[in-house]
Amino acid sequence: MEEKLRRIYVPMTESGFYILFCLQTPNHGYGISQAVKQMTGGSVNISAGTMYGTLSKMETDGLIKFFSEEDKRKLYVITGLGREILDLEIKRIERLYKNSKGENINE
């Protein structure tokens, strides 16, 4: 993985994290938005501008790719590179959580 991409995406914004997380299975912008609202109990609302700007940037950077079109909606899915970035971010969040609880991160 390019160090430049690592610096851009880790740490991720909350919106970026949820978008990439939701693309572990093919999805479109509206579907991601609805999934995020459900996962967060409505506390995270990704605007259309943020959603489509992030999808475009992630596609350009190779984190996601076009999967198919369904009812005039583009479906995207995470790539191997995107999975690496997502895994790094999940590990970072887990480390933060463990440290906040006073747990030993080496366990």
N, C-alpha and C. Protein backbone atom coordinates (compact mmCIF):
# COMPACT_ATOMS: atom_id res chain seq x y z
N MET A 1 0.84 -1.17 0.00
CA MET A 1 0.00 0.00 0.00
C MET A 1 0.89 1.24 0.00
N GLU A 2 0.48 2.22 -0.79
CA GLU A 2 1.24 3.46 -0.83
C GLU A 2 1.12 4.21 0.48
N GLU A 3 2.24 4.73 0.95
CA GLU A 3 2.26 5.50 2.20
C GLU A 3 1.37 6.74 2.07
N LYS A 4 1.33 7.31 0.88
CA LYS A 4 0.49 8.51 0.65
C LYS A 4 -0.98 8.20 0.95
N LEU A 5 -1.47 7.08 0.46
CA LEU A 5 -2.87 6.71 0.72
C LEU A 5 -3.10 6.44 2.19
N ARG A 6 -2.14 5.83 2.83
CA ARG A 6 -2.26 5.56 4.27
C ARG A 6 -2.39 6.88 5.03
N ARG A 7 -1.58 7.86 4.66
CA ARG A 7 -1.64 9.17 5.34
C ARG A 7 -2.96 9.88 5.07
N ILE A 8 -3.52 9.70 3.89
CA ILE A 8 -4.79 10.35 3.53
C ILE A 8 -5.95 9.74 4.30
N TYR A 9 -5.97 8.42 4.41
CA TYR A 9 -7.15 7.73 4.92
C TYR A 9 -7.07 7.26 6.37
N VAL A 10 -5.90 7.25 6.97
CA VAL A 10 -5.81 6.79 8.36
C VAL A 10 -5.19 7.91 9.19
N PRO A 11 -5.91 8.50 10.13
CA PRO A 11 -7.27 8.15 10.55
C PRO A 11 -8.31 8.64 9.54
N MET A 12 -9.43 7.95 9.51
CA MET A 12 -10.53 8.29 8.61
C MET A 12 -11.52 9.21 9.30
N THR A 13 -12.26 9.91 8.48
CA THR A 13 -13.41 10.62 9.01
C THR A 13 -14.46 9.58 9.36
N GLU A 14 -15.38 9.95 10.21
CA GLU A 14 -16.44 9.01 10.57
C GLU A 14 -17.27 8.65 9.34
N SER A 15 -17.56 9.64 8.51
CA SER A 15 -18.33 9.37 7.28
C SER A 15 -17.58 8.42 6.36
N GLY A 16 -16.28 8.70 6.17
CA GLY A 16 -15.48 7.84 5.31
C GLY A 16 -15.43 6.42 5.81
N PHE A 17 -15.30 6.26 7.12
CA PHE A 17 -15.27 4.93 7.71
C PHE A 17 -16.57 4.18 7.41
N TYR A 18 -17.70 4.82 7.68
CA TYR A 18 -18.98 4.14 7.47
C TYR A 18 -19.22 3.83 6.00
N ILE A 19 -18.82 4.72 5.11
CA ILE A 19 -19.00 4.47 3.68
C ILE A 19 -18.20 3.23 3.28
N LEU A 20 -16.93 3.19 3.64
CA LEU A 20 -16.09 2.05 3.28
C LEU A 20 -16.58 0.78 3.96
N PHE A 21 -16.97 0.87 5.22
CA PHE A 21 -17.48 -0.27 5.96
C PHE A 21 -18.72 -0.86 5.27
N CYS A 22 -19.61 0.01 4.81
CA CYS A 22 -20.85 -0.45 4.17
C CYS A 22 -20.60 -1.07 2.80
N LEU A 23 -19.44 -0.83 2.21
CA LEU A 23 -19.17 -1.38 0.88
C LEU A 23 -18.48 -2.73 0.92
N GLN A 24 -18.53 -3.39 2.07
CA GLN A 24 -18.05 -4.77 2.14
C GLN A 24 -18.96 -5.68 1.33
N THR A 25 -20.17 -5.21 1.10
CA THR A 25 -21.09 -5.84 0.14
C THR A 25 -21.52 -4.73 -0.81
N PRO A 26 -21.82 -5.06 -2.06
CA PRO A 26 -22.17 -4.02 -3.02
C PRO A 26 -23.34 -3.15 -2.53
N ASN A 27 -23.21 -1.85 -2.72
CA ASN A 27 -24.23 -0.92 -2.27
C ASN A 27 -24.11 0.37 -3.08
N HIS A 28 -25.13 1.20 -2.99
CA HIS A 28 -25.15 2.50 -3.65
C HIS A 28 -25.26 3.58 -2.58
N GLY A 29 -25.08 4.82 -2.98
CA GLY A 29 -25.07 5.93 -2.04
C GLY A 29 -26.27 5.99 -1.12
N TYR A 30 -27.46 5.88 -1.67
CA TYR A 30 -28.66 5.95 -0.84
C TYR A 30 -28.72 4.78 0.13
N GLY A 31 -28.36 3.59 -0.34
CA GLY A 31 -28.35 2.41 0.52
C GLY A 31 -27.36 2.56 1.66
N ILE A 32 -26.20 3.13 1.37
CA ILE A 32 -25.19 3.38 2.40
C ILE A 32 -25.75 4.35 3.43
N SER A 33 -26.34 5.42 2.95
CA SER A 33 -26.92 6.43 3.84
C SER A 33 -27.94 5.82 4.79
N GLN A 34 -28.80 4.98 4.27
CA GLN A 34 -29.82 4.33 5.10
C GLN A 34 -29.19 3.36 6.09
N ALA A 35 -28.20 2.61 5.66
CA ALA A 35 -27.52 1.66 6.54
C ALA A 35 -26.82 2.38 7.69
N VAL A 36 -26.18 3.51 7.38
CA VAL A 36 -25.48 4.28 8.41
C VAL A 36 -26.47 4.84 9.42
N LYS A 37 -27.58 5.36 8.95
CA LYS A 37 -28.61 5.87 9.87
C LYS A 37 -29.08 4.76 10.80
N GLN A 38 -29.28 3.57 10.26
CA GLN A 38 -29.74 2.44 11.06
C GLN A 38 -28.67 2.00 12.07
N MET A 39 -27.42 1.88 11.61
CA MET A 39 -26.33 1.44 12.48
C MET A 39 -26.09 2.40 13.64
N THR A 40 -26.28 3.68 13.38
CA THR A 40 -25.93 4.70 14.38
C THR A 40 -27.16 5.24 15.10
N GLY A 41 -28.30 4.66 14.88
CA GLY A 41 -29.52 5.14 15.52
C GLY A 41 -29.85 6.56 15.09
N GLY A 42 -29.45 6.92 13.89
CA GLY A 42 -29.74 8.24 13.34
C GLY A 42 -28.76 9.34 13.77
N SER A 43 -27.73 8.98 14.54
CA SER A 43 -26.80 10.02 15.01
C SER A 43 -25.79 10.44 13.94
N VAL A 44 -25.61 9.63 12.91
CA VAL A 44 -24.73 10.01 11.80
C VAL A 44 -25.57 10.07 10.54
N ASN A 45 -25.56 11.25 9.92
CA ASN A 45 -26.30 11.47 8.69
C ASN A 45 -25.31 11.99 7.65
N ILE A 46 -25.07 11.21 6.61
CA ILE A 46 -24.10 11.60 5.58
C ILE A 46 -24.84 12.34 4.48
N SER A 47 -24.47 13.59 4.27
CA SER A 47 -25.14 14.39 3.23
C SER A 47 -24.81 13.84 1.85
N ALA A 48 -25.64 14.18 0.89
CA ALA A 48 -25.42 13.72 -0.49
C ALA A 48 -24.07 14.21 -1.01
N GLY A 49 -23.72 15.44 -0.72
CA GLY A 49 -22.45 15.99 -1.19
C GLY A 49 -21.26 15.23 -0.63
N THR A 50 -21.31 14.94 0.66
CA THR A 50 -20.24 14.17 1.30
C THR A 50 -20.21 12.75 0.74
N MET A 51 -21.38 12.15 0.60
CA MET A 51 -21.47 10.77 0.11
C MET A 51 -20.84 10.65 -1.28
N TYR A 52 -21.31 11.45 -2.22
CA TYR A 52 -20.87 11.26 -3.60
C TYR A 52 -19.46 11.79 -3.83
N GLY A 53 -19.05 12.80 -3.06
CA GLY A 53 -17.67 13.26 -3.13
C GLY A 53 -16.71 12.19 -2.62
N THR A 54 -17.09 11.56 -1.51
CA THR A 54 -16.25 10.50 -0.92
C THR A 54 -16.21 9.27 -1.81
N LEU A 55 -17.36 8.88 -2.35
CA LEU A 55 -17.37 7.72 -3.27
C LEU A 55 -16.46 7.98 -4.46
N SER A 56 -16.54 9.18 -5.03
CA SER A 56 -15.72 9.52 -6.19
C SER A 56 -14.23 9.47 -5.84
N LYS A 57 -13.86 10.06 -4.70
CA LYS A 57 -12.45 10.06 -4.30
C LYS A 57 -11.97 8.65 -4.01
N MET A 58 -12.77 7.86 -3.31
CA MET A 58 -12.36 6.50 -2.99
C MET A 58 -12.22 5.65 -4.25
N GLU A 59 -13.09 5.89 -5.23
CA GLU A 59 -12.98 5.15 -6.49
C GLU A 59 -11.70 5.56 -7.22
N THR A 60 -11.43 6.85 -7.28
CA THR A 60 -10.22 7.35 -7.94
C THR A 60 -8.96 6.79 -7.28
N ASP A 61 -8.99 6.69 -5.94
CA ASP A 61 -7.83 6.20 -5.19
C ASP A 61 -7.74 4.68 -5.15
N GLY A 62 -8.73 3.98 -5.70
CA GLY A 62 -8.68 2.52 -5.79
C GLY A 62 -9.17 1.78 -4.57
N LEU A 63 -9.87 2.46 -3.65
CA LEU A 63 -10.37 1.80 -2.45
C LEU A 63 -11.69 1.07 -2.72
N ILE A 64 -12.43 1.58 -3.69
CA ILE A 64 -13.68 0.96 -4.09
C ILE A 64 -13.71 0.90 -5.61
N LYS A 65 -14.62 0.08 -6.14
CA LYS A 65 -14.77 0.02 -7.59
C LYS A 65 -16.25 -0.12 -7.93
N PHE A 66 -16.57 0.29 -9.15
CA PHE A 66 -17.92 0.13 -9.67
C PHE A 66 -18.23 -1.36 -9.72
N PHE A 67 -19.41 -1.74 -9.26
CA PHE A 67 -19.81 -3.14 -9.25
C PHE A 67 -20.86 -3.40 -10.33
N SER A 68 -21.94 -2.63 -10.32
CA SER A 68 -22.98 -2.77 -11.33
C SER A 68 -23.94 -1.59 -11.20
N GLU A 69 -24.91 -1.57 -12.08
CA GLU A 69 -25.95 -0.54 -12.01
C GLU A 69 -27.28 -1.24 -11.78
N GLU A 70 -28.06 -0.68 -10.87
CA GLU A 70 -29.34 -1.26 -10.51
C GLU A 70 -30.35 -0.13 -10.37
N ASP A 71 -31.40 -0.15 -11.16
CA ASP A 71 -32.42 0.91 -11.11
C ASP A 71 -31.79 2.30 -11.21
N LYS A 72 -30.88 2.48 -12.14
CA LYS A 72 -30.18 3.74 -12.40
C LYS A 72 -29.30 4.19 -11.24
N ARG A 73 -28.98 3.28 -10.33
CA ARG A 73 -28.08 3.59 -9.21
C ARG A 73 -26.80 2.78 -9.38
N LYS A 74 -25.67 3.46 -9.21
CA LYS A 74 -24.38 2.78 -9.29
C LYS A 74 -24.08 2.07 -7.98
N LEU A 75 -23.78 0.80 -8.07
CA LEU A 75 -23.36 0.04 -6.90
C LEU A 75 -21.85 -0.06 -6.90
N TYR A 76 -21.27 0.12 -5.72
CA TYR A 76 -19.83 0.03 -5.54
C TYR A 76 -19.53 -1.08 -4.55
N VAL A 77 -18.28 -1.53 -4.56
CA VAL A 77 -17.83 -2.55 -3.62
C VAL A 77 -16.37 -2.23 -3.26
N ILE A 78 -15.99 -2.63 -2.07
CA ILE A 78 -14.62 -2.39 -1.59
C ILE A 78 -13.63 -3.24 -2.40
N THR A 79 -12.42 -2.72 -2.59
CA THR A 79 -11.35 -3.46 -3.26
C THR A 79 -10.40 -4.03 -2.20
N GLY A 80 -9.41 -4.77 -2.64
CA GLY A 80 -8.39 -5.29 -1.72
C GLY A 80 -7.68 -4.16 -0.98
N LEU A 81 -7.33 -3.10 -1.71
CA LEU A 81 -6.69 -1.95 -1.09
C LEU A 81 -7.62 -1.29 -0.07
N GLY A 82 -8.88 -1.16 -0.43
CA GLY A 82 -9.86 -0.60 0.49
C GLY A 82 -9.97 -1.43 1.75
N ARG A 83 -9.92 -2.75 1.59
CA ARG A 83 -9.99 -3.65 2.73
C ARG A 83 -8.79 -3.46 3.66
N GLU A 84 -7.60 -3.27 3.06
CA GLU A 84 -6.40 -3.00 3.86
C GLU A 84 -6.57 -1.73 4.68
N ILE A 85 -7.05 -0.69 4.04
CA ILE A 85 -7.25 0.60 4.71
C ILE A 85 -8.30 0.44 5.82
N LEU A 86 -9.41 -0.23 5.51
CA LEU A 86 -10.46 -0.44 6.50
C LEU A 86 -9.92 -1.23 7.70
N ASP A 87 -9.15 -2.27 7.44
CA ASP A 87 -8.57 -3.07 8.53
C ASP A 87 -7.64 -2.24 9.41
N LEU A 88 -6.84 -1.37 8.79
CA LEU A 88 -5.96 -0.48 9.56
C LEU A 88 -6.79 0.43 10.46
N GLU A 89 -7.86 0.96 9.93
CA GLU A 89 -8.70 1.87 10.70
C GLU A 89 -9.42 1.13 11.82
N ILE A 90 -9.89 -0.06 11.56
CA ILE A 90 -10.55 -0.85 12.62
C ILE A 90 -9.55 -1.15 13.73
N LYS A 91 -8.33 -1.53 13.39
CA LYS A 91 -7.31 -1.78 14.41
C LYS A 91 -7.01 -0.52 15.21
N ARG A 92 -6.96 0.62 14.55
CA ARG A 92 -6.72 1.89 15.23
C ARG A 92 -7.84 2.20 16.22
N ILE A 93 -9.08 2.00 15.78
CA ILE A 93 -10.23 2.25 16.65
C ILE A 93 -10.24 1.28 17.83
N GLU A 94 -9.92 0.01 17.57
CA GLU A 94 -9.85 -0.97 18.65
C GLU A 94 -8.79 -0.58 19.67
N ARG A 95 -7.64 -0.11 19.18
CA ARG A 95 -6.57 0.32 20.08
C ARG A 95 -7.03 1.49 20.94
N LEU A 96 -7.69 2.45 20.33
CA LEU A 96 -8.22 3.60 21.08
C LEU A 96 -9.20 3.14 22.15
N TYR A 97 -10.07 2.23 21.77
CA TYR A 97 -11.07 1.72 22.72
C TYR A 97 -10.40 1.01 23.88
N LYS A 98 -9.46 0.12 23.57
CA LYS A 98 -8.77 -0.61 24.63
C LYS A 98 -8.01 0.33 25.55
N ASN A 99 -7.35 1.31 24.97
CA ASN A 99 -6.61 2.27 25.79
C ASN A 99 -7.55 3.09 26.67
N SER A 100 -8.72 3.39 26.17
CA SER A 100 -9.67 4.18 26.96
C SER A 100 -10.21 3.38 28.14
N LYS A 101 -10.16 2.07 28.02
CA LYS A 101 -10.63 1.18 29.08
C LYS A 101 -9.49 0.72 29.98
N GLY A 102 -8.26 1.15 29.66
CA GLY A 102 -7.11 0.76 30.47
C GLY A 102 -6.66 -0.66 30.22
N GLU A 103 -7.07 -1.23 29.09
CA GLU A 103 -6.69 -2.61 28.77
C GLU A 103 -5.31 -2.63 28.14
N ASN A 104 -4.61 -3.73 28.31
CA ASN A 104 -3.31 -3.91 27.69
C ASN A 104 -3.51 -4.22 26.21
N ILE A 105 -2.97 -3.39 25.33
CA ILE A 105 -3.18 -3.58 23.90
C ILE A 105 -2.39 -4.77 23.33
N ASN A 106 -1.49 -5.31 24.10
CA ASN A 106 -0.69 -6.45 23.62
C ASN A 106 -1.37 -7.80 23.92
N GLU A 107 -2.53 -7.77 24.57
CA GLU A 107 -3.21 -9.03 24.89
C GLU A 107 -3.85 -9.62 23.69
